[in-house]
Amino acid sequence: MWEIFQFYKGMINMLKTIISYIPSWQVFVQTFIVFFIPYLMSKLFNWIQTSKEEWE
């Protein structure tokens, strides 16, 4: 019985260690701002340029 308790205690410590490496939500928001918003702006301007060429 004691060995099972020690095993689960080790598993919980391992999960705590893994979870500690996951960044907080602020990092995900910053990543969204840095990468996704410029991508959307690029697609928007590309769409504007394409529609402008179709009107000409």
Protein backbone atom coordinates (compact mmCIF):
# COMPACT_ATOMS: atom_id res chain seq x y z
CA MET A 1 0.00 0.00 0.00
CA TRP A 2 2.82 2.39 0.89
CA GLU A 3 4.49 1.80 -2.51
CA ILE A 4 1.29 2.80 -4.34
CA PHE A 5 1.09 6.01 -2.28
CA GLN A 6 4.72 6.82 -3.08
CA PHE A 7 4.09 6.12 -6.78
CA TYR A 8 1.12 8.51 -6.91
CA LYS A 9 3.04 11.10 -4.93
CA GLY A 10 5.84 10.89 -7.50
CA MET A 11 3.33 11.19 -10.34
CA ILE A 12 1.78 14.28 -8.77
CA ASN A 13 5.21 15.87 -8.33
CA MET A 14 6.04 15.11 -11.97
CA LEU A 15 2.77 16.69 -13.15
CA LYS A 16 3.43 19.77 -11.01
CA THR A 17 6.87 20.08 -12.60
CA ILE A 18 5.45 19.77 -16.12
CA ILE A 19 2.66 22.26 -15.42
CA SER A 20 5.16 24.77 -14.02
CA TYR A 21 6.74 25.01 -17.51
CA ILE A 22 3.43 26.00 -19.15
CA PRO A 23 3.36 29.80 -19.49
CA SER A 24 0.62 31.97 -18.06
CA TRP A 25 -2.27 33.27 -20.16
CA GLN A 26 -0.58 36.65 -20.66
CA VAL A 27 2.08 34.96 -22.80
CA PHE A 28 -0.60 33.49 -25.06
CA VAL A 29 -2.23 36.90 -25.45
CA GLN A 30 1.11 38.48 -26.36
CA THR A 31 1.74 35.71 -28.88
CA PHE A 32 -1.66 36.37 -30.42
CA ILE A 33 -0.90 40.08 -30.71
CA VAL A 34 2.60 39.60 -32.13
CA PHE A 35 1.83 36.90 -34.70
CA PHE A 36 -1.87 36.65 -35.48
CA ILE A 37 -2.85 40.31 -35.79
CA PRO A 38 -0.10 41.13 -38.35
CA TYR A 39 -1.14 38.00 -40.26
CA LEU A 40 -4.73 39.22 -40.35
CA MET A 41 -3.63 42.67 -41.46
CA SER A 42 -1.58 41.11 -44.25
CA LYS A 43 -4.59 39.12 -45.43
CA LEU A 44 -6.79 42.22 -45.26
CA PHE A 45 -4.43 44.32 -47.37
CA ASN A 46 -3.97 41.45 -49.80
CA TRP A 47 -7.75 41.22 -50.14
CA ILE A 48 -8.02 45.00 -50.66
CA GLN A 49 -5.32 44.89 -53.35
CA THR A 50 -7.02 41.96 -55.11
CA SER A 51 -10.43 43.62 -55.06
CA LYS A 52 -8.89 46.89 -56.28
CA GLU A 53 -7.34 45.06 -59.26
CA GLU A 54 -10.67 43.45 -60.11
CA TRP A 55 -12.37 46.85 -60.31
CA GLU A 56 -9.81 48.16 -62.78
